[in-house]
Amino acid sequence: MNFSEEVKATLWKIIDEMGINVSDYTVNPEKDFSRKKKWDFATLVKFIISMEGQSLKNELHKYFGYTTDCPSNASFNQRRAQVSSSAFEYLFNTFTEHYQNASDKRFRGYRLIACDGSDVNIAHNPADTETYFKCGKSKGFNQLHLNAMYDLLNRTYTDIVIQPSRIENEHTAFCDMVDRYNGDRNTIFITDRGYESYNNIAHVIEKGSYFLFRCKDICSNGIIAGSKDRLPKTDIFDCRLSLILTRKWTNEILNNRDIYRHFRNAHSFDFLDLDEHIFYNMNLRVVRFQITDNDYECILTNLPDDEFSIDEIKKLYALRWGIETSFRELKYAVGLTSFHSKKREYIIQEIWARLLLYNFCEIITTHITIEKCTKKHTYQVNYTYAIHICRYFISKMAEKSPPDVEALISKEILPVRPGRHDPRKVDHKKAVSFLYRVA
């Protein structure tokens, strides 16, 4: 059994074990899946994982081999209504944890976890006030917000928080994911600007791990602006900054605002109160470096300066772009831009299924060695095509003629061209119509 078959067998085993205790994953445990029908639990889950962006009828015929015995749309919708979205969340977490250390790539002994968010367009539904946005006289649109933790070197999602976009809170989601992270302490959490927050930093510190936060520059209104008088006057620097956080408000705090940070009751900080935990000491490393002739980046971290120089910090932050690339692959190669339902619960089922398929593909792909190399380029796997191969591999059609997954993926390669960049094109967002689907 090669590695891809082993990964598939592991996924199928988890699904079969869930089917044995199916009442733990259904909406009505007493009666759901109590009758034997075409749609047993395992078949339903496998079908949802394998779905692409075509219409539901096409997906059903393709999965069941265009036979007259193909289930109807109604039967599928009736069955999926009995399955809780938490079943797919459990399946994602169990499968991902099983392979968490299978390909343990690290940066100088540290696991790199990036955190970021992305909006996911869903079907137009003005009645869903938590996801609906109205822009002027336009029709409006609905969105969910995907908060993700992503292992940059092993190329897998480790944790997800799905929120309605109207009430999204990336800071709360970040803290929740850090708190339940079960990896070792030699982990660096890397975030882009927008996540800078004393509370976020404190959650990483309490976890015993490391952080690397891009923050607003010293001349803006970011969290280090109040201490700019204590920072070097040079354009580029690497220094230490000690702060005392508190909710008290005394003359000493008022007269030493460069050292103390006062939090009002409305400000979120989970490790302070007015009784037992009055003060919280925070030691930060502030790194500022030049990226263009007139632009500078500011980084907050607690990484030891004897291990990580400014150049190493720059390399670490540059690696964060991997999560942006993963969002593109997740949306357009895996198919997170189109769903087969208008109900939010069913959409969340498919989001977890798409994330599971992404991890399934990346776990297999990272074990494939690309040997081709020329004087001009090294080569990497074509991840878009690799996802298509893995999707076919888990389909029902592959049971009759299983493909050689490793050989197929290793043939589809692309040259690595470092230094390429393209300005981000900002456009208004729309929900994808049911009349138009990605292939």
Protein backbone atom coordinates (compact mmCIF):
# COMPACT_ATOMS: atom_id res chain seq x y z
CA MET A 1 0.00 0.00 0.00
CA ASN A 2 1.51 3.32 -1.06
CA PHE A 3 1.16 6.49 1.00
CA SER A 4 -1.87 7.94 -0.83
CA GLU A 5 -3.81 4.69 -0.34
CA GLU A 6 -2.85 4.72 3.34
CA VAL A 7 -4.16 8.28 3.75
CA LYS A 8 -7.41 7.40 2.00
CA ALA A 9 -7.83 4.26 4.13
CA THR A 10 -7.33 6.35 7.28
CA LEU A 11 -10.01 8.83 6.23
CA TRP A 12 -12.46 6.07 5.31
CA LYS A 13 -11.80 4.32 8.64
CA ILE A 14 -12.65 7.47 10.62
CA ILE A 15 -15.88 7.90 8.63
CA ASP A 16 -16.85 4.25 9.17
CA GLU A 17 -16.20 4.57 12.92
CA MET A 18 -18.43 7.65 12.99
CA GLY A 19 -21.13 5.64 11.19
CA ILE A 20 -21.07 3.03 13.97
CA ASN A 21 -21.92 5.77 16.51
CA VAL A 22 -24.03 7.79 14.10
CA SER A 23 -26.32 9.15 16.82
CA ASP A 24 -23.44 11.33 18.07
CA TYR A 25 -23.43 13.26 14.78
CA THR A 26 -27.10 13.67 13.91
CA VAL A 27 -29.67 16.37 14.60
CA ASN A 28 -32.22 13.95 16.13
CA PRO A 29 -30.21 11.03 17.59
CA GLU A 30 -33.30 8.97 18.43
CA LYS A 31 -34.58 8.61 14.86
CA ASP A 32 -32.08 9.94 12.28
CA PHE A 33 -30.48 7.18 10.15
CA SER A 34 -32.56 4.58 11.99
CA ARG A 35 -34.05 3.29 8.69
CA LYS A 36 -31.90 1.65 6.03
CA LYS A 37 -31.94 3.66 2.80
CA LYS A 38 -29.67 4.38 -0.17
CA TRP A 39 -28.00 7.10 1.85
CA ASP A 40 -26.16 5.55 4.74
CA PHE A 41 -23.99 7.88 6.84
CA ALA A 42 -20.67 6.94 5.23
CA THR A 43 -21.95 7.32 1.66
CA LEU A 44 -23.45 10.71 2.44
CA VAL A 45 -20.25 12.07 4.02
CA LYS A 46 -18.01 10.73 1.23
CA PHE A 47 -20.28 12.25 -1.41
CA ILE A 48 -20.24 15.70 0.21
CA ILE A 49 -16.43 15.60 0.45
CA SER A 50 -16.11 14.71 -3.24
CA MET A 51 -18.56 17.33 -4.57
CA GLU A 52 -17.27 19.90 -7.04
CA GLY A 53 -18.92 23.07 -8.36
CA GLN A 54 -21.51 21.57 -10.71
CA SER A 55 -25.24 21.37 -10.10
CA LEU A 56 -26.43 18.87 -7.52
CA LYS A 57 -28.04 16.63 -10.16
CA ASN A 58 -24.81 16.46 -12.15
CA GLU A 59 -22.83 15.74 -8.99
CA LEU A 60 -25.16 12.84 -8.09
CA HIS A 61 -25.04 11.26 -11.55
CA LYS A 62 -21.27 11.60 -11.75
CA TYR A 63 -20.73 10.07 -8.28
CA PHE A 64 -23.10 7.13 -8.85
CA GLY A 65 -21.90 6.41 -12.39
CA TYR A 66 -24.90 7.66 -14.40
CA THR A 67 -27.12 4.74 -13.46
CA THR A 68 -30.90 4.61 -13.15
CA ASP A 69 -30.38 3.78 -9.49
CA CYS A 70 -29.01 7.28 -8.82
CA PRO A 71 -30.62 8.93 -5.74
CA SER A 72 -32.74 12.04 -6.24
CA ASN A 73 -31.93 15.58 -5.13
CA ALA A 74 -34.75 15.41 -2.59
CA SER A 75 -33.44 12.22 -0.99
CA PHE A 76 -29.99 13.78 -0.61
CA ASN A 77 -31.36 16.96 0.97
CA GLN A 78 -33.53 14.95 3.35
CA ARG A 79 -30.56 12.91 4.49
CA ARG A 80 -28.11 15.81 4.85
CA ALA A 81 -30.68 17.60 7.01
CA GLN A 82 -30.19 14.80 9.55
CA VAL A 83 -26.43 15.34 9.86
CA SER A 84 -25.02 18.06 12.10
CA SER A 85 -22.27 20.28 10.68
CA SER A 86 -20.29 19.38 13.82
CA ALA A 87 -19.87 15.89 12.30
CA PHE A 88 -17.73 17.36 9.53
CA GLU A 89 -15.86 19.49 12.05
CA TYR A 90 -15.07 16.37 14.07
CA LEU A 91 -13.99 14.52 10.93
CA PHE A 92 -11.71 17.40 9.89
CA ASN A 93 -10.08 17.66 13.34
CA THR A 94 -9.63 13.91 13.80
CA PHE A 95 -8.11 13.38 10.36
CA THR A 96 -5.84 16.45 10.60
CA GLU A 97 -4.57 15.51 14.07
CA HIS A 98 -3.77 12.00 12.84
CA TYR A 99 -1.29 13.44 10.32
CA GLN A 100 -0.14 16.43 12.34
CA ASN A 101 3.37 15.04 12.75
CA ALA A 102 3.51 12.93 9.58
CA SER A 103 5.41 15.66 7.73
CA ASP A 104 6.89 17.74 10.51
CA LYS A 105 8.67 20.45 8.54
CA ARG A 106 10.01 23.27 10.71
CA PHE A 107 11.92 26.53 10.50
CA ARG A 108 15.04 26.10 12.65
CA GLY A 109 13.12 23.81 15.00
CA TYR A 110 9.94 25.96 15.15
CA ARG A 111 6.53 25.13 13.72
CA LEU A 112 5.12 28.11 11.80
CA ILE A 113 1.38 28.78 12.19
CA ALA A 114 -0.14 31.70 10.29
CA CYS A 115 -3.52 33.15 11.19
CA ASP A 116 -5.71 35.12 8.80
CA GLY A 117 -9.30 35.51 7.69
CA SER A 118 -11.16 35.38 4.40
CA ASP A 119 -14.72 36.14 3.37
CA VAL A 120 -16.79 33.39 1.74
CA ASN A 121 -19.70 34.40 -0.47
CA ILE A 122 -22.89 32.40 0.01
CA ALA A 123 -26.34 32.44 -1.58
CA HIS A 124 -28.33 35.69 -1.52
CA ASN A 125 -30.69 35.70 1.47
CA PRO A 126 -31.79 39.09 2.89
CA ALA A 127 -33.61 37.30 5.72
CA ASP A 128 -30.29 36.13 7.18
CA THR A 129 -29.40 39.42 8.88
CA GLU A 130 -26.14 38.10 10.35
CA THR A 131 -24.62 37.52 6.91
CA TYR A 132 -26.46 40.02 4.66
CA PHE A 133 -24.87 43.25 3.38
CA LYS A 134 -26.75 45.95 1.50
CA CYS A 135 -24.74 48.40 -0.60
CA GLY A 136 -26.76 51.37 -1.85
CA LYS A 137 -29.34 50.37 -4.44
CA SER A 138 -27.68 47.08 -5.26
CA LYS A 139 -29.21 43.69 -4.57
CA GLY A 140 -26.83 43.04 -1.68
CA PHE A 141 -24.96 39.88 -0.79
CA ASN A 142 -24.37 37.39 2.02
CA GLN A 143 -21.03 36.31 3.47
CA LEU A 144 -19.49 34.07 6.09
CA HIS A 145 -16.06 34.85 7.52
CA LEU A 146 -13.47 32.08 7.67
CA ASN A 147 -10.84 32.45 10.41
CA ALA A 148 -8.00 30.00 9.84
CA MET A 149 -4.82 28.69 11.43
CA TYR A 150 -2.49 27.38 8.74
CA ASP A 151 0.75 25.40 9.06
CA LEU A 152 2.97 27.25 6.59
CA LEU A 153 5.61 24.59 6.00
CA ASN A 154 3.38 21.50 6.14
CA ARG A 155 0.69 23.30 4.09
CA THR A 156 -2.35 22.19 6.09
CA TYR A 157 -5.11 23.98 7.99
CA THR A 158 -4.91 23.19 11.69
CA ASP A 159 -7.99 25.00 13.04
CA ILE A 160 -10.97 26.97 11.75
CA VAL A 161 -13.58 29.32 13.21
CA ILE A 162 -16.56 30.16 10.97
CA GLN A 163 -18.45 33.37 11.78
CA PRO A 164 -21.30 35.29 10.14
CA SER A 165 -19.60 38.29 8.53
CA ARG A 166 -21.90 40.83 10.18
CA ILE A 167 -20.76 39.77 13.64
CA GLU A 168 -17.24 38.56 12.82
CA ASN A 169 -14.52 39.09 15.41
CA GLU A 170 -11.08 38.03 14.26
CA HIS A 171 -9.52 38.80 17.65
CA THR A 172 -11.90 36.47 19.51
CA ALA A 173 -11.40 33.77 16.90
CA PHE A 174 -7.61 34.09 17.16
CA CYS A 175 -7.67 33.74 20.95
CA ASP A 176 -9.98 30.73 20.79
CA MET A 177 -7.75 28.96 18.26
CA VAL A 178 -4.57 29.72 20.21
CA ASP A 179 -6.14 28.47 23.46
CA ARG A 180 -7.10 25.10 21.96
CA TYR A 181 -3.88 24.64 19.99
CA ASN A 182 -2.36 21.32 21.12
CA GLY A 183 1.03 21.51 19.39
CA ASP A 184 4.33 21.89 21.21
CA ARG A 185 5.61 25.19 22.59
CA ASN A 186 8.15 25.68 19.81
CA THR A 187 5.48 27.27 17.65
CA ILE A 188 5.53 30.75 16.13
CA PHE A 189 2.13 32.35 15.48
CA ILE A 190 2.45 34.77 12.56
CA THR A 191 -0.21 37.37 11.74
CA ASP A 192 -0.66 40.32 9.45
CA ARG A 193 -1.55 43.85 10.50
CA GLY A 194 -5.03 43.96 12.00
CA TYR A 195 -4.34 41.28 14.61
CA GLU A 196 -2.08 43.48 16.74
CA SER A 197 -3.62 43.45 20.18
CA TYR A 198 -2.27 43.14 23.71
CA ASN A 199 -4.91 40.50 24.40
CA ASN A 200 -3.90 38.42 21.37
CA ILE A 201 -0.24 38.66 22.35
CA ALA A 202 -1.02 37.67 25.94
CA HIS A 203 -2.87 34.52 24.82
CA VAL A 204 0.22 33.37 22.90
CA ILE A 205 2.48 34.20 25.87
CA GLU A 206 0.24 32.26 28.27
CA LYS A 207 0.40 29.33 25.86
CA GLY A 208 4.17 29.39 26.25
CA SER A 209 4.70 29.90 22.52
CA TYR A 210 6.10 32.63 20.28
CA PHE A 211 4.48 35.31 18.16
CA LEU A 212 5.38 37.51 15.21
CA PHE A 213 2.80 40.25 14.62
CA ARG A 214 3.03 42.83 11.89
CA CYS A 215 1.84 46.07 13.50
CA LYS A 216 1.16 49.66 12.55
CA ASP A 217 4.22 51.84 12.18
CA ILE A 218 5.48 54.10 14.97
CA CYS A 219 3.91 57.24 13.42
CA SER A 220 0.39 55.78 13.31
CA ASN A 221 -2.11 54.93 16.06
CA GLY A 222 -0.97 51.36 16.69
CA ILE A 223 -0.18 49.79 20.04
CA ILE A 224 3.49 50.89 20.02
CA ALA A 225 2.75 54.52 19.12
CA GLY A 226 2.41 55.41 22.81
CA SER A 227 5.95 54.19 23.43
CA LYS A 228 7.69 55.76 20.43
CA ASP A 229 9.66 58.09 22.75
CA ARG A 230 11.29 54.98 24.25
CA LEU A 231 12.24 53.57 20.84
CA PRO A 232 15.46 54.41 18.95
CA LYS A 233 15.37 57.49 16.75
CA THR A 234 16.85 55.64 13.79
CA ASP A 235 14.79 54.38 10.84
CA ILE A 236 15.87 50.76 11.37
CA PHE A 237 16.11 49.25 14.84
CA ASP A 238 15.75 46.10 16.92
CA CYS A 239 15.04 46.80 20.59
CA ARG A 240 13.23 45.57 23.69
CA LEU A 241 10.17 47.22 25.21
CA SER A 242 8.73 46.43 28.66
CA LEU A 243 5.16 47.44 29.50
CA ILE A 244 2.86 47.03 32.49
CA LEU A 245 -0.81 46.49 31.66
CA THR A 246 -3.50 47.29 34.22
CA ARG A 247 -7.12 48.32 34.73
CA LYS A 248 -6.24 50.57 37.68
CA TRP A 249 -6.15 54.33 37.20
CA THR A 250 -3.87 56.10 39.69
CA ASN A 251 -1.57 59.12 39.62
CA GLU A 252 1.44 56.88 39.12
CA ILE A 253 -0.13 55.34 36.02
CA LEU A 254 -1.29 58.75 34.78
CA ASN A 255 2.23 60.19 35.08
CA ASN A 256 3.98 57.20 33.45
CA ARG A 257 1.91 56.45 30.40
CA ASP A 258 4.95 55.37 28.41
CA ILE A 259 5.38 52.41 30.80
CA TYR A 260 1.79 51.64 31.82
CA ARG A 261 -1.11 50.71 29.55
CA HIS A 262 -4.51 51.33 31.06
CA PHE A 263 -7.48 49.17 30.04
CA ARG A 264 -11.02 50.31 30.63
CA ASN A 265 -13.72 47.76 31.40
CA ALA A 266 -14.95 47.92 27.81
CA HIS A 267 -11.48 47.00 26.49
CA SER A 268 -10.83 43.30 26.08
CA PHE A 269 -7.97 41.80 28.09
CA ASP A 270 -8.58 38.37 29.57
CA PHE A 271 -5.78 38.31 32.13
CA LEU A 272 -6.56 41.41 34.21
CA ASP A 273 -9.02 42.30 36.95
CA LEU A 274 -9.14 44.70 39.88
CA ASP A 275 -8.71 42.07 42.61
CA GLU A 276 -6.13 39.33 42.08
CA HIS A 277 -4.54 40.10 38.70
CA ILE A 278 -4.00 43.84 38.89
CA PHE A 279 -0.87 44.08 36.72
CA TYR A 280 0.36 42.15 33.70
CA ASN A 281 4.02 42.52 32.68
CA MET A 282 4.67 42.23 28.96
CA ASN A 283 8.12 42.16 27.38
CA LEU A 284 8.16 42.86 23.66
CA ARG A 285 10.78 42.93 20.96
CA VAL A 286 10.15 45.69 18.40
CA VAL A 287 11.80 45.28 15.00
CA ARG A 288 11.63 47.90 12.26
CA PHE A 289 13.15 47.33 8.83
CA GLN A 290 13.03 48.87 5.37
CA ILE A 291 11.11 47.20 2.52
CA THR A 292 11.27 49.94 -0.17
CA ASP A 293 12.97 53.31 -0.49
CA ASN A 294 10.26 55.04 1.54
CA ASP A 295 8.40 52.22 3.30
CA TYR A 296 9.13 50.42 6.56
CA GLU A 297 7.58 47.49 8.37
CA CYS A 298 7.22 47.17 12.13
CA ILE A 299 7.13 43.75 13.81
CA LEU A 300 6.24 42.80 17.38
CA THR A 301 7.68 39.51 18.58
CA ASN A 302 9.08 37.65 21.56
CA LEU A 303 11.59 35.61 19.55
CA PRO A 304 15.10 35.58 21.06
CA ASP A 305 17.40 38.06 19.29
CA ASP A 306 20.40 35.73 19.60
CA GLU A 307 18.56 33.18 17.40
CA PHE A 308 16.64 35.46 15.05
CA SER A 309 18.29 38.49 13.48
CA ILE A 310 16.38 41.19 11.59
CA ASP A 311 16.98 39.29 8.33
CA GLU A 312 15.55 36.13 9.87
CA ILE A 313 12.51 38.07 11.06
CA LYS A 314 11.99 39.36 7.51
CA LYS A 315 12.18 35.81 6.13
CA LEU A 316 9.66 34.59 8.70
CA TYR A 317 7.17 37.31 7.89
CA ALA A 318 7.58 36.71 4.14
CA LEU A 319 6.58 33.06 4.68
CA ARG A 320 3.19 34.28 5.95
CA TRP A 321 2.14 34.74 2.32
CA GLY A 322 1.58 30.98 2.21
CA ILE A 323 -1.80 31.33 3.90
CA GLU A 324 -2.90 33.83 1.23
CA THR A 325 -1.94 31.32 -1.46
CA SER A 326 -3.84 28.59 0.37
CA PHE A 327 -7.02 30.71 0.41
CA ARG A 328 -6.76 31.08 -3.38
CA GLU A 329 -6.38 27.32 -3.85
CA LEU A 330 -9.16 26.61 -1.37
CA LYS A 331 -11.60 28.89 -3.17
CA TYR A 332 -10.83 28.29 -6.82
CA ALA A 333 -9.19 24.85 -7.03
CA VAL A 334 -11.10 23.08 -4.24
CA GLY A 335 -14.32 25.00 -4.94
CA LEU A 336 -15.14 27.14 -1.91
CA THR A 337 -16.74 29.73 -4.21
CA SER A 338 -19.91 27.70 -4.85
CA PHE A 339 -22.17 25.59 -2.67
CA HIS A 340 -25.13 23.27 -3.17
CA SER A 341 -27.55 24.87 -0.74
CA LYS A 342 -28.92 28.17 0.51
CA LYS A 343 -29.18 27.07 4.14
CA ARG A 344 -26.32 28.20 6.34
CA GLU A 345 -26.04 24.86 8.18
CA TYR A 346 -25.59 22.96 4.91
CA ILE A 347 -23.07 25.52 3.66
CA ILE A 348 -21.01 25.06 6.84
CA GLN A 349 -21.06 21.29 6.17
CA GLU A 350 -19.52 21.92 2.76
CA ILE A 351 -16.94 24.39 4.11
CA TRP A 352 -15.61 21.75 6.50
CA ALA A 353 -15.68 19.19 3.67
CA ARG A 354 -13.65 21.51 1.38
CA LEU A 355 -11.09 22.12 4.12
CA LEU A 356 -10.82 18.37 4.70
CA LEU A 357 -10.27 17.78 0.97
CA TYR A 358 -7.59 20.48 0.91
CA ASN A 359 -5.70 18.86 3.81
CA PHE A 360 -6.15 15.41 2.27
CA CYS A 361 -4.51 16.59 -0.93
CA GLU A 362 -1.68 18.49 0.78
CA ILE A 363 -0.81 15.59 3.09
CA ILE A 364 -0.34 13.37 0.03
CA THR A 365 1.40 16.04 -2.06
CA THR A 366 4.00 16.95 0.57
CA HIS A 367 5.26 13.34 0.49
CA ILE A 368 6.01 13.51 -3.24
CA THR A 369 9.58 14.38 -4.17
CA ILE A 370 10.15 16.52 -7.26
CA GLU A 371 13.57 15.69 -8.69
CA LYS A 372 13.52 17.79 -11.85
CA CYS A 373 15.82 20.77 -11.67
CA THR A 374 17.48 22.94 -14.30
CA LYS A 375 20.05 25.69 -14.17
CA LYS A 376 17.27 28.24 -14.51
CA HIS A 377 14.49 26.80 -12.30
CA THR A 378 13.66 24.39 -9.57
CA TYR A 379 10.19 22.87 -9.79
CA GLN A 380 7.16 22.43 -7.57
CA VAL A 381 3.90 20.48 -7.73
CA ASN A 382 1.00 22.00 -9.65
CA TYR A 383 -1.32 22.10 -6.63
CA THR A 384 -4.42 22.92 -8.66
CA TYR A 385 -4.05 19.77 -10.73
CA ALA A 386 -3.04 17.76 -7.65
CA ILE A 387 -6.37 18.64 -6.04
CA HIS A 388 -8.25 17.39 -9.13
CA ILE A 389 -6.33 14.10 -8.95
CA CYS A 390 -7.07 13.66 -5.23
CA ARG A 391 -10.73 14.50 -5.73
CA TYR A 392 -11.03 11.76 -8.34
CA PHE A 393 -9.06 9.42 -6.06
CA ILE A 394 -11.73 9.60 -3.33
CA SER A 395 -14.67 9.40 -5.75
CA LYS A 396 -16.72 6.26 -6.28
CA MET A 397 -15.40 5.93 -9.84
CA ALA A 398 -11.85 5.41 -8.56
CA GLU A 399 -12.91 2.23 -6.73
CA LYS A 400 -13.06 0.36 -10.05
CA SER A 401 -9.87 1.83 -11.54
CA PRO A 402 -7.74 3.47 -8.81
CA PRO A 403 -5.18 5.89 -10.24
CA ASP A 404 -1.47 6.00 -9.43
CA VAL A 405 -1.80 9.23 -7.46
CA GLU A 406 1.88 9.80 -6.71
CA ALA A 407 2.94 9.22 -10.34
CA LEU A 408 0.24 11.54 -11.71
CA ILE A 409 0.99 14.36 -9.29
CA SER A 410 4.75 14.12 -9.82
CA LYS A 411 4.24 14.62 -13.57
CA GLU A 412 2.27 17.85 -13.13
CA ILE A 413 4.91 20.35 -12.05
CA LEU A 414 5.59 24.07 -12.44
CA PRO A 415 8.80 26.11 -12.27
CA VAL A 416 9.42 28.18 -9.14
CA ARG A 417 9.88 31.82 -10.08
CA PRO A 418 10.87 33.76 -6.95
CA GLY A 419 10.35 37.49 -6.73
CA ARG A 420 7.23 37.64 -8.89
CA HIS A 421 4.49 39.92 -7.66
CA ASP A 422 1.22 41.35 -8.88
CA PRO A 423 -0.78 44.19 -7.27
CA ARG A 424 -3.95 43.02 -5.55
CA LYS A 425 -7.03 43.83 -7.66
CA VAL A 426 -9.85 44.92 -5.36
CA ASP A 427 -13.37 44.34 -6.68
CA HIS A 428 -16.85 44.25 -5.20
CA LYS A 429 -17.99 40.84 -3.98
CA LYS A 430 -21.02 38.97 -5.26
CA ALA A 431 -22.67 35.69 -4.36
CA VAL A 432 -22.29 33.02 -7.04
CA SER A 433 -25.55 32.30 -8.86
CA PHE A 434 -26.88 28.74 -8.93
CA LEU A 435 -27.06 29.09 -12.73
CA TYR A 436 -23.29 29.49 -12.95
CA ARG A 437 -20.90 27.02 -11.41
CA VAL A 438 -17.18 26.49 -11.55
CA ALA A 439 -16.15 23.35 -13.37
